Amino acid sequence: MYEPIRTKPVVHLMGDNRADYPHSSRGEALDIQLGGHLAALLAVTDELGLDEAAAEIAAQVTRLRGSQPARAPQRPAADLAALHQRAHDLAARALVVAASRADTTVAILAAERMDAHTAALKSLDLAGAL
């Protein structure tokens, strides 16, 4: 059966002053999450060699984080289909968070990237069928 917890919650052990520990608002948490998704999307976009799209994504990461993102040097893309699928998935995650945050600019950018990667996947499927 259920037995009640007999210890005091950790919050009470820390004292009543809630300024003793760091906290963030929902908006700040969404900004952090969105910046992370966009930074991951930027890394894959750089790996695909899509310079114009990477510049747009980097501008949004800079806006959200307040500093320019670290950029990886371009290297030859190994599996294009897998990279485009990963980029599509990351753009979809960014779109969900941007919608929650009501960030129209990033939502439009993420939707455009999803469309571009969907088209790339379709063209790779057609090329593979030949």
C-alpha atoms as a PDB file:
ATOM      1  CA  MET A   1       0.000   0.000   0.000  1.00  0.00           C
ATOM      2  CA  TYR A   2       0.916   3.633  -0.102  1.00  0.00           C
ATOM      3  CA  GLU A   3       3.089   4.969   2.673  1.00  0.00           C
ATOM      4  CA  PRO A   4       3.430   8.742   3.064  1.00  0.00           C
ATOM      5  CA  ILE A   5       6.820  10.364   2.667  1.00  0.00           C
ATOM      6  CA  ARG A   6       8.253  11.144   6.064  1.00  0.00           C
ATOM      7  CA  THR A   7      11.091  13.460   5.132  1.00  0.00           C
ATOM      8  CA  LYS A   8      10.779  17.156   4.505  1.00  0.00           C
ATOM      9  CA  PRO A   9      10.973  18.345   0.899  1.00  0.00           C
ATOM     10  CA  VAL A  10      14.347  19.643  -0.259  1.00  0.00           C
ATOM     11  CA  VAL A  11      12.884  23.126  -0.762  1.00  0.00           C
ATOM     12  CA  HIS A  12      12.195  23.390   2.947  1.00  0.00           C
ATOM     13  CA  LEU A  13      15.683  22.225   3.813  1.00  0.00           C
ATOM     14  CA  MET A  14      17.175  25.048   1.740  1.00  0.00           C
ATOM     15  CA  GLY A  15      15.324  27.700   3.641  1.00  0.00           C
ATOM     16  CA  ASP A  16      12.469  29.968   2.762  1.00  0.00           C
ATOM     17  CA  ASN A  17      14.540  32.295   0.621  1.00  0.00           C
ATOM     18  CA  ARG A  18      13.954  31.105  -2.956  1.00  0.00           C
ATOM     19  CA  ALA A  19      16.653  33.462  -4.238  1.00  0.00           C
ATOM     20  CA  ASP A  20      19.208  30.996  -2.858  1.00  0.00           C
ATOM     21  CA  TYR A  21      19.154  28.930  -6.048  1.00  0.00           C
ATOM     22  CA  PRO A  22      18.995  29.821  -9.732  1.00  0.00           C
ATOM     23  CA  HIS A  23      15.749  29.529 -11.613  1.00  0.00           C
ATOM     24  CA  SER A  24      14.460  30.569 -14.994  1.00  0.00           C
ATOM     25  CA  SER A  25      11.102  31.509 -16.351  1.00  0.00           C
ATOM     26  CA  ARG A  26       9.238  29.435 -18.899  1.00  0.00           C
ATOM     27  CA  GLY A  27      10.215  31.932 -21.597  1.00  0.00           C
ATOM     28  CA  GLU A  28      13.886  31.662 -20.705  1.00  0.00           C
ATOM     29  CA  ALA A  29      13.682  27.875 -20.689  1.00  0.00           C
ATOM     30  CA  LEU A  30      12.069  27.901 -24.138  1.00  0.00           C
ATOM     31  CA  ASP A  31      14.770  30.289 -25.400  1.00  0.00           C
ATOM     32  CA  ILE A  32      17.460  27.896 -24.177  1.00  0.00           C
ATOM     33  CA  GLN A  33      15.722  24.905 -25.716  1.00  0.00           C
ATOM     34  CA  LEU A  34      15.122  26.699 -29.013  1.00  0.00           C
ATOM     35  CA  GLY A  35      18.730  27.876 -29.157  1.00  0.00           C
ATOM     36  CA  GLY A  36      19.889  24.297 -28.645  1.00  0.00           C
ATOM     37  CA  HIS A  37      17.700  22.910 -31.418  1.00  0.00           C
ATOM     38  CA  LEU A  38      18.813  25.649 -33.790  1.00  0.00           C
ATOM     39  CA  ALA A  39      22.491  25.124 -32.924  1.00  0.00           C
ATOM     40  CA  ALA A  40      22.131  21.403 -33.689  1.00  0.00           C
ATOM     41  CA  LEU A  41      20.332  22.248 -36.940  1.00  0.00           C
ATOM     42  CA  LEU A  42      23.152  24.655 -37.779  1.00  0.00           C
ATOM     43  CA  ALA A  43      25.757  21.918 -37.305  1.00  0.00           C
ATOM     44  CA  VAL A  44      23.933  19.577 -39.703  1.00  0.00           C
ATOM     45  CA  THR A  45      23.308  22.411 -42.158  1.00  0.00           C
ATOM     46  CA  ASP A  46      27.024  23.241 -42.125  1.00  0.00           C
ATOM     47  CA  GLU A  47      27.826  19.587 -42.736  1.00  0.00           C
ATOM     48  CA  LEU A  48      25.489  19.592 -45.737  1.00  0.00           C
ATOM     49  CA  GLY A  49      27.268  22.689 -47.070  1.00  0.00           C
ATOM     50  CA  LEU A  50      24.132  24.846 -47.234  1.00  0.00           C
ATOM     51  CA  ASP A  51      25.812  28.197 -46.614  1.00  0.00           C
ATOM     52  CA  GLU A  52      22.824  30.518 -47.119  1.00  0.00           C
ATOM     53  CA  ALA A  53      20.557  28.481 -44.845  1.00  0.00           C
ATOM     54  CA  ALA A  54      23.356  28.180 -42.275  1.00  0.00           C
ATOM     55  CA  ALA A  55      23.764  31.967 -42.211  1.00  0.00           C
ATOM     56  CA  GLU A  56      20.029  32.440 -41.509  1.00  0.00           C
ATOM     57  CA  ILE A  57      20.075  29.845 -38.737  1.00  0.00           C
ATOM     58  CA  ALA A  58      23.257  31.318 -37.227  1.00  0.00           C
ATOM     59  CA  ALA A  59      21.606  34.755 -37.108  1.00  0.00           C
ATOM     60  CA  GLN A  60      18.705  33.350 -35.088  1.00  0.00           C
ATOM     61  CA  VAL A  61      21.013  31.453 -32.736  1.00  0.00           C
ATOM     62  CA  THR A  62      22.952  34.686 -32.185  1.00  0.00           C
ATOM     63  CA  ARG A  63      19.701  36.540 -31.446  1.00  0.00           C
ATOM     64  CA  LEU A  64      18.563  33.942 -28.916  1.00  0.00           C
ATOM     65  CA  ARG A  65      21.890  33.347 -27.182  1.00  0.00           C
ATOM     66  CA  GLY A  66      23.417  36.804 -27.477  1.00  0.00           C
ATOM     67  CA  SER A  67      26.623  35.489 -29.028  1.00  0.00           C
ATOM     68  CA  GLN A  68      27.647  33.871 -32.271  1.00  0.00           C
ATOM     69  CA  PRO A  69      27.415  30.085 -32.337  1.00  0.00           C
ATOM     70  CA  ALA A  70      30.472  27.891 -32.697  1.00  0.00           C
ATOM     71  CA  ARG A  71      30.727  26.699 -36.275  1.00  0.00           C
ATOM     72  CA  ALA A  72      32.248  23.396 -37.263  1.00  0.00           C
ATOM     73  CA  PRO A  73      34.476  23.275 -40.310  1.00  0.00           C
ATOM     74  CA  GLN A  74      32.759  21.813 -43.351  1.00  0.00           C
ATOM     75  CA  ARG A  75      33.575  18.241 -44.141  1.00  0.00           C
ATOM     76  CA  PRO A  76      32.343  15.987 -46.910  1.00  0.00           C
ATOM     77  CA  ALA A  77      28.845  14.748 -46.200  1.00  0.00           C
ATOM     78  CA  ALA A  78      28.812  11.020 -45.572  1.00  0.00           C
ATOM     79  CA  ASP A  79      25.187   9.908 -45.940  1.00  0.00           C
ATOM     80  CA  LEU A  80      23.142  12.705 -47.476  1.00  0.00           C
ATOM     81  CA  ALA A  81      19.783  11.047 -46.835  1.00  0.00           C
ATOM     82  CA  ALA A  82      20.550  10.536 -43.142  1.00  0.00           C
ATOM     83  CA  LEU A  83      21.779  14.128 -42.780  1.00  0.00           C
ATOM     84  CA  HIS A  84      18.699  15.562 -44.491  1.00  0.00           C
ATOM     85  CA  GLN A  85      16.451  13.398 -42.290  1.00  0.00           C
ATOM     86  CA  ARG A  86      18.277  14.577 -39.155  1.00  0.00           C
ATOM     87  CA  ALA A  87      18.045  18.201 -40.271  1.00  0.00           C
ATOM     88  CA  HIS A  88      14.320  17.760 -40.967  1.00  0.00           C
ATOM     89  CA  ASP A  89      13.773  16.298 -37.497  1.00  0.00           C
ATOM     90  CA  LEU A  90      15.736  19.103 -35.818  1.00  0.00           C
ATOM     91  CA  ALA A  91      13.809  21.736 -37.779  1.00  0.00           C
ATOM     92  CA  ALA A  92      10.552  20.100 -36.669  1.00  0.00           C
ATOM     93  CA  ARG A  93      11.631  20.280 -33.021  1.00  0.00           C
ATOM     94  CA  ALA A  94      12.612  23.912 -33.456  1.00  0.00           C
ATOM     95  CA  LEU A  95       9.220  24.610 -35.038  1.00  0.00           C
ATOM     96  CA  VAL A  96       7.361  23.127 -32.064  1.00  0.00           C
ATOM     97  CA  VAL A  97       9.358  25.177 -29.557  1.00  0.00           C
ATOM     98  CA  ALA A  98       9.108  28.339 -31.689  1.00  0.00           C
ATOM     99  CA  ALA A  99       5.339  27.915 -31.802  1.00  0.00           C
ATOM    100  CA  SER A 100       5.227  27.523 -28.006  1.00  0.00           C
ATOM    101  CA  ARG A 101       7.353  30.630 -27.654  1.00  0.00           C
ATOM    102  CA  ALA A 102       5.335  32.544 -30.310  1.00  0.00           C
ATOM    103  CA  ASP A 103       8.536  33.280 -32.247  1.00  0.00           C
ATOM    104  CA  THR A 104       7.177  33.743 -35.766  1.00  0.00           C
ATOM    105  CA  THR A 105      10.565  34.383 -37.357  1.00  0.00           C
ATOM    106  CA  VAL A 106      12.052  31.097 -36.173  1.00  0.00           C
ATOM    107  CA  ALA A 107       8.818  29.217 -36.882  1.00  0.00           C
ATOM    108  CA  ILE A 108       8.888  30.375 -40.514  1.00  0.00           C
ATOM    109  CA  LEU A 109      12.598  29.565 -40.810  1.00  0.00           C
ATOM    110  CA  ALA A 110      12.077  26.086 -39.339  1.00  0.00           C
ATOM    111  CA  ALA A 111       9.125  25.378 -41.643  1.00  0.00           C
ATOM    112  CA  GLU A 112      11.171  26.477 -44.657  1.00  0.00           C
ATOM    113  CA  ARG A 113      14.036  24.207 -43.611  1.00  0.00           C
ATOM    114  CA  MET A 114      11.620  21.293 -43.162  1.00  0.00           C
ATOM    115  CA  ASP A 115      10.280  21.863 -46.679  1.00  0.00           C
ATOM    116  CA  ALA A 116      13.791  22.084 -48.130  1.00  0.00           C
ATOM    117  CA  HIS A 117      14.933  18.871 -46.460  1.00  0.00           C
ATOM    118  CA  THR A 118      11.747  17.054 -47.471  1.00  0.00           C
ATOM    119  CA  ALA A 119      12.367  18.082 -51.093  1.00  0.00           C
ATOM    120  CA  ALA A 120      16.007  16.969 -50.825  1.00  0.00           C
ATOM    121  CA  LEU A 121      14.950  13.590 -49.439  1.00  0.00           C
ATOM    122  CA  LYS A 122      12.453  13.126 -52.263  1.00  0.00           C
ATOM    123  CA  SER A 123      15.063  13.974 -54.887  1.00  0.00           C
ATOM    124  CA  LEU A 124      17.534  11.553 -53.281  1.00  0.00           C
ATOM    125  CA  ASP A 125      14.870   8.827 -53.320  1.00  0.00           C
ATOM    126  CA  LEU A 126      14.208   9.483 -57.020  1.00  0.00           C
ATOM    127  CA  ALA A 127      17.923   9.469 -57.818  1.00  0.00           C
ATOM    128  CA  GLY A 128      18.346   6.225 -55.896  1.00  0.00           C
ATOM    129  CA  ALA A 129      15.502   4.597 -57.822  1.00  0.00           C
ATOM    130  CA  LEU A 130      17.235   5.192 -61.153  1.00  0.00           C
END
